[in-house]
Amino acid sequence: MPTYSFRDTQTGEIEDKIMSMSSREEYLKENPNLETIITGAPGLVGGTGDRTKTPGGFQEVLSKISDANPTSSLAGDFGKKDHKSVTVRNAVQKHRDKLGGSITE
């Protein structure tokens, strides 16, 4: 839960409270002499979105699986990146799209 800072408009005292946003709204209604103040930047959670970096050992395993299954979607992400492998994958995908995905390994 976030920490909110409040200033008493009558005394100038500042206090911090940990509460939910809805609790803060109720607290301010019950205490009209308080106002919310911003004492610093909000704490942001870092990250790179929904994807994380795959560990090296597991990446090697995925690479071996994709080499054994060159037409799988896994091969596009972790397979060989040389010109021939990419061309073969693209050609298979093109024909798969043409036939409505009915090509199987």
N, C-alpha and C. Protein backbone atom coordinates (compact mmCIF):
# COMPACT_ATOMS: atom_id res chain seq x y z
N MET A 1 0.83 -1.18 0.00
CA MET A 1 0.00 0.00 0.00
C MET A 1 0.88 1.24 0.00
N PRO A 2 0.38 2.30 -0.60
CA PRO A 2 1.18 3.53 -0.67
C PRO A 2 1.19 4.29 0.66
N THR A 3 2.21 5.12 0.80
CA THR A 3 2.33 5.99 1.96
C THR A 3 1.92 7.40 1.54
N TYR A 4 1.02 7.99 2.27
CA TYR A 4 0.54 9.35 1.98
C TYR A 4 1.01 10.29 3.08
N SER A 5 1.35 11.51 2.69
CA SER A 5 1.74 12.54 3.64
C SER A 5 0.60 13.55 3.74
N PHE A 6 0.27 13.92 4.97
CA PHE A 6 -0.81 14.86 5.23
C PHE A 6 -0.26 16.03 6.04
N ARG A 7 -0.78 17.23 5.75
CA ARG A 7 -0.40 18.42 6.52
C ARG A 7 -1.67 18.96 7.16
N ASP A 8 -1.55 19.24 8.44
CA ASP A 8 -2.64 19.86 9.17
C ASP A 8 -2.61 21.35 8.83
N THR A 9 -3.70 21.87 8.25
CA THR A 9 -3.72 23.27 7.83
C THR A 9 -3.77 24.24 9.02
N GLN A 10 -4.14 23.76 10.19
CA GLN A 10 -4.23 24.62 11.37
C GLN A 10 -2.89 24.70 12.11
N THR A 11 -2.22 23.56 12.25
CA THR A 11 -0.97 23.53 13.04
C THR A 11 0.28 23.44 12.18
N GLY A 12 0.14 23.01 10.93
CA GLY A 12 1.30 22.86 10.05
C GLY A 12 2.04 21.55 10.24
N GLU A 13 1.54 20.69 11.13
CA GLU A 13 2.18 19.39 11.36
C GLU A 13 2.02 18.51 10.12
N ILE A 14 3.06 17.70 9.87
CA ILE A 14 3.04 16.76 8.75
C ILE A 14 3.13 15.35 9.32
N GLU A 15 2.27 14.46 8.82
CA GLU A 15 2.31 13.06 9.25
C GLU A 15 2.16 12.15 8.03
N ASP A 16 2.77 10.99 8.11
CA ASP A 16 2.69 9.99 7.05
C ASP A 16 1.81 8.84 7.50
N LYS A 17 1.00 8.33 6.58
CA LYS A 17 0.14 7.19 6.88
C LYS A 17 0.18 6.23 5.70
N ILE A 18 0.15 4.94 6.01
CA ILE A 18 0.10 3.90 4.99
C ILE A 18 -1.35 3.44 4.89
N MET A 19 -1.94 3.61 3.70
CA MET A 19 -3.34 3.24 3.51
C MET A 19 -3.65 3.13 2.02
N SER A 20 -4.78 2.52 1.74
CA SER A 20 -5.21 2.41 0.35
C SER A 20 -5.77 3.75 -0.11
N MET A 21 -5.96 3.89 -1.43
CA MET A 21 -6.46 5.15 -1.96
C MET A 21 -7.89 5.44 -1.46
N SER A 22 -8.72 4.41 -1.41
CA SER A 22 -10.09 4.62 -0.93
C SER A 22 -10.09 5.01 0.55
N SER A 23 -9.20 4.42 1.34
CA SER A 23 -9.09 4.79 2.76
C SER A 23 -8.63 6.24 2.90
N ARG A 24 -7.74 6.67 2.01
CA ARG A 24 -7.26 8.05 2.05
C ARG A 24 -8.40 9.03 1.81
N GLU A 25 -9.26 8.70 0.84
CA GLU A 25 -10.40 9.57 0.55
C GLU A 25 -11.31 9.70 1.77
N GLU A 26 -11.60 8.58 2.41
CA GLU A 26 -12.44 8.60 3.61
C GLU A 26 -11.76 9.39 4.74
N TYR A 27 -10.47 9.18 4.90
CA TYR A 27 -9.70 9.86 5.95
C TYR A 27 -9.75 11.38 5.76
N LEU A 28 -9.63 11.83 4.50
CA LEU A 28 -9.68 13.26 4.22
C LEU A 28 -11.07 13.83 4.47
N LYS A 29 -12.12 13.04 4.19
CA LYS A 29 -13.49 13.50 4.45
C LYS A 29 -13.73 13.65 5.96
N GLU A 30 -13.19 12.71 6.73
CA GLU A 30 -13.37 12.73 8.18
C GLU A 30 -12.53 13.83 8.85
N ASN A 31 -11.46 14.24 8.20
CA ASN A 31 -10.54 15.24 8.75
C ASN A 31 -10.39 16.39 7.75
N PRO A 32 -11.33 17.32 7.72
CA PRO A 32 -11.28 18.40 6.73
C PRO A 32 -10.11 19.37 6.94
N ASN A 33 -9.48 19.33 8.09
CA ASN A 33 -8.34 20.21 8.36
C ASN A 33 -7.03 19.66 7.79
N LEU A 34 -7.07 18.48 7.16
CA LEU A 34 -5.86 17.88 6.56
C LEU A 34 -5.87 18.03 5.05
N GLU A 35 -4.69 18.16 4.50
CA GLU A 35 -4.54 18.17 3.04
C GLU A 35 -3.40 17.23 2.67
N THR A 36 -3.52 16.61 1.51
CA THR A 36 -2.47 15.71 1.03
C THR A 36 -1.34 16.54 0.45
N ILE A 37 -0.12 16.18 0.78
CA ILE A 37 1.04 16.87 0.21
C ILE A 37 1.95 15.84 -0.44
N ILE A 38 2.72 16.29 -1.39
CA ILE A 38 3.68 15.43 -2.09
C ILE A 38 5.06 15.75 -1.53
N THR A 39 5.71 14.74 -0.95
CA THR A 39 7.02 14.96 -0.34
C THR A 39 8.16 14.44 -1.19
N GLY A 40 7.85 13.69 -2.25
CA GLY A 40 8.89 13.16 -3.12
C GLY A 40 8.28 12.47 -4.33
N ALA A 41 9.13 11.96 -5.16
CA ALA A 41 8.67 11.25 -6.34
C ALA A 41 8.06 9.92 -5.94
N PRO A 42 7.04 9.47 -6.65
CA PRO A 42 6.44 8.18 -6.31
C PRO A 42 7.41 7.04 -6.59
N GLY A 43 7.32 5.99 -5.81
CA GLY A 43 8.16 4.81 -6.02
C GLY A 43 7.66 4.03 -7.22
N LEU A 44 8.46 3.92 -8.23
CA LEU A 44 8.08 3.20 -9.44
C LEU A 44 8.74 1.84 -9.46
N VAL A 45 8.04 0.87 -9.97
CA VAL A 45 8.58 -0.48 -10.08
C VAL A 45 9.28 -0.56 -11.43
N GLY A 46 10.54 -0.95 -11.42
CA GLY A 46 11.29 -1.08 -12.66
C GLY A 46 11.00 -2.39 -13.33
N GLY A 47 11.39 -2.49 -14.57
CA GLY A 47 11.17 -3.73 -15.29
C GLY A 47 11.21 -3.48 -16.78
N THR A 48 11.08 -4.54 -17.52
CA THR A 48 11.14 -4.42 -18.97
C THR A 48 9.84 -4.86 -19.61
N GLY A 49 8.75 -4.84 -18.88
CA GLY A 49 7.48 -5.27 -19.45
C GLY A 49 7.19 -6.71 -19.10
N ASP A 50 6.51 -7.39 -20.00
CA ASP A 50 6.09 -8.75 -19.71
C ASP A 50 7.16 -9.78 -20.05
N ARG A 51 8.24 -9.38 -20.68
CA ARG A 51 9.29 -10.31 -21.05
C ARG A 51 10.51 -10.12 -20.17
N THR A 52 11.12 -11.20 -19.80
CA THR A 52 12.34 -11.13 -19.03
C THR A 52 13.45 -11.82 -19.81
N LYS A 53 14.67 -11.56 -19.45
CA LYS A 53 15.80 -12.16 -20.14
C LYS A 53 15.91 -13.63 -19.75
N THR A 54 16.03 -14.49 -20.74
CA THR A 54 16.15 -15.92 -20.50
C THR A 54 17.57 -16.24 -20.05
N PRO A 55 17.74 -17.02 -18.97
CA PRO A 55 19.08 -17.39 -18.52
C PRO A 55 19.85 -18.14 -19.61
N GLY A 56 21.17 -18.00 -19.60
CA GLY A 56 22.00 -18.58 -20.64
C GLY A 56 21.86 -20.09 -20.81
N GLY A 57 21.82 -20.82 -19.71
CA GLY A 57 21.70 -22.28 -19.79
C GLY A 57 20.38 -22.71 -20.40
N PHE A 58 19.31 -22.06 -20.01
CA PHE A 58 18.00 -22.40 -20.55
C PHE A 58 17.89 -21.98 -22.01
N GLN A 59 18.56 -20.88 -22.36
CA GLN A 59 18.57 -20.42 -23.75
C GLN A 59 19.24 -21.46 -24.65
N GLU A 60 20.28 -22.12 -24.13
CA GLU A 60 20.95 -23.17 -24.90
C GLU A 60 20.01 -24.36 -25.12
N VAL A 61 19.23 -24.71 -24.10
CA VAL A 61 18.26 -25.80 -24.22
C VAL A 61 17.21 -25.44 -25.27
N LEU A 62 16.71 -24.21 -25.22
CA LEU A 62 15.72 -23.78 -26.20
C LEU A 62 16.30 -23.78 -27.61
N SER A 63 17.57 -23.43 -27.72
CA SER A 63 18.23 -23.44 -29.02
C SER A 63 18.31 -24.86 -29.59
N LYS A 64 18.62 -25.84 -28.75
CA LYS A 64 18.69 -27.23 -29.20
C LYS A 64 17.31 -27.73 -29.62
N ILE A 65 16.28 -27.36 -28.86
CA ILE A 65 14.91 -27.77 -29.22
C ILE A 65 14.51 -27.16 -30.54
N SER A 66 14.83 -25.88 -30.73
CA SER A 66 14.44 -25.21 -31.98
C SER A 66 15.22 -25.76 -33.17
N ASP A 67 16.47 -26.21 -32.96
CA ASP A 67 17.23 -26.83 -34.04
C ASP A 67 16.60 -28.15 -34.45
N ALA A 68 16.04 -28.87 -33.48
CA ALA A 68 15.39 -30.15 -33.78
C ALA A 68 14.02 -29.94 -34.43
N ASN A 69 13.42 -28.77 -34.24
CA ASN A 69 12.10 -28.45 -34.78
C ASN A 69 12.17 -27.12 -35.53
N PRO A 70 12.80 -27.11 -36.71
CA PRO A 70 13.08 -25.84 -37.40
C PRO A 70 11.84 -25.08 -37.87
N THR A 71 10.70 -25.74 -37.96
CA THR A 71 9.51 -25.03 -38.43
C THR A 71 8.61 -24.59 -37.29
N SER A 72 9.03 -24.77 -36.06
CA SER A 72 8.22 -24.37 -34.91
C SER A 72 8.35 -22.87 -34.67
N SER A 73 7.42 -22.32 -33.91
CA SER A 73 7.50 -20.89 -33.58
C SER A 73 8.68 -20.62 -32.64
N LEU A 74 9.10 -21.61 -31.90
CA LEU A 74 10.25 -21.48 -31.01
C LEU A 74 11.53 -21.24 -31.82
N ALA A 75 11.59 -21.81 -33.01
CA ALA A 75 12.76 -21.65 -33.86
C ALA A 75 12.95 -20.20 -34.29
N GLY A 76 11.85 -19.47 -34.44
CA GLY A 76 11.96 -18.06 -34.82
C GLY A 76 12.63 -17.22 -33.74
N ASP A 77 12.41 -17.59 -32.49
CA ASP A 77 12.98 -16.82 -31.38
C ASP A 77 14.37 -17.30 -30.97
N PHE A 78 14.56 -18.63 -30.94
CA PHE A 78 15.80 -19.17 -30.39
C PHE A 78 16.61 -20.02 -31.37
N GLY A 79 16.12 -20.16 -32.60
CA GLY A 79 16.82 -20.99 -33.58
C GLY A 79 18.02 -20.29 -34.19
N LYS A 80 18.64 -21.00 -35.12
CA LYS A 80 19.80 -20.43 -35.81
C LYS A 80 19.39 -19.17 -36.55
N LYS A 81 20.30 -18.20 -36.60
CA LYS A 81 20.01 -16.92 -37.24
C LYS A 81 20.77 -16.74 -38.55
N ASP A 82 21.37 -17.83 -39.06
CA ASP A 82 22.09 -17.70 -40.32
C ASP A 82 21.09 -17.53 -41.47
N HIS A 83 21.57 -17.06 -42.59
CA HIS A 83 20.72 -16.71 -43.73
C HIS A 83 19.89 -17.90 -44.21
N LYS A 84 20.51 -19.06 -44.33
CA LYS A 84 19.81 -20.23 -44.84
C LYS A 84 18.66 -20.64 -43.91
N SER A 85 18.91 -20.70 -42.62
CA SER A 85 17.87 -21.11 -41.66
C SER A 85 16.70 -20.14 -41.64
N VAL A 86 17.00 -18.86 -41.70
CA VAL A 86 15.94 -17.85 -41.70
C VAL A 86 15.13 -17.94 -42.98
N THR A 87 15.80 -18.14 -44.12
CA THR A 87 15.10 -18.25 -45.40
C THR A 87 14.18 -19.46 -45.42
N VAL A 88 14.64 -20.59 -44.90
CA VAL A 88 13.82 -21.80 -44.85
C VAL A 88 12.60 -21.58 -43.96
N ARG A 89 12.81 -20.99 -42.78
CA ARG A 89 11.68 -20.72 -41.87
C ARG A 89 10.66 -19.80 -42.51
N ASN A 90 11.14 -18.75 -43.20
CA ASN A 90 10.23 -17.81 -43.85
C ASN A 90 9.45 -18.48 -44.97
N ALA A 91 10.11 -19.35 -45.75
CA ALA A 91 9.44 -20.05 -46.84
C ALA A 91 8.37 -21.00 -46.29
N VAL A 92 8.69 -21.73 -45.25
CA VAL A 92 7.72 -22.65 -44.65
C VAL A 92 6.54 -21.86 -44.10
N GLN A 93 6.81 -20.73 -43.43
CA GLN A 93 5.73 -19.92 -42.88
C GLN A 93 4.85 -19.35 -43.98
N LYS A 94 5.46 -18.96 -45.09
CA LYS A 94 4.70 -18.41 -46.21
C LYS A 94 3.73 -19.45 -46.75
N HIS A 95 4.19 -20.69 -46.93
CA HIS A 95 3.33 -21.76 -47.45
C HIS A 95 2.30 -22.18 -46.41
N ARG A 96 2.69 -22.14 -45.16
CA ARG A 96 1.75 -22.46 -44.09
C ARG A 96 0.59 -21.46 -44.08
N ASP A 97 0.92 -20.18 -44.24
CA ASP A 97 -0.11 -19.14 -44.27
C ASP A 97 -1.02 -19.30 -45.48
N LYS A 98 -0.43 -19.67 -46.62
CA LYS A 98 -1.21 -19.87 -47.84
C LYS A 98 -2.21 -21.01 -47.69
N LEU A 99 -1.78 -22.09 -47.04
CA LEU A 99 -2.64 -23.26 -46.90
C LEU A 99 -3.49 -23.22 -45.63
N GLY A 100 -3.42 -22.15 -44.90
CA GLY A 100 -4.23 -22.02 -43.70
C GLY A 100 -3.68 -22.77 -42.51
N GLY A 101 -2.38 -22.95 -42.47
CA GLY A 101 -1.75 -23.60 -41.31
C GLY A 101 -1.87 -25.10 -41.28
N SER A 102 -2.12 -25.75 -42.44
CA SER A 102 -2.32 -27.19 -42.44
C SER A 102 -1.04 -27.99 -42.63
N ILE A 103 0.11 -27.33 -42.79
CA ILE A 103 1.38 -28.05 -42.92
C ILE A 103 1.83 -28.47 -41.53
N THR A 104 2.15 -29.75 -41.38
CA THR A 104 2.64 -30.26 -40.09
C THR A 104 4.04 -30.81 -40.30
N GLU A 105 4.73 -30.96 -39.20
CA GLU A 105 6.10 -31.49 -39.27
C GLU A 105 6.09 -32.98 -39.47
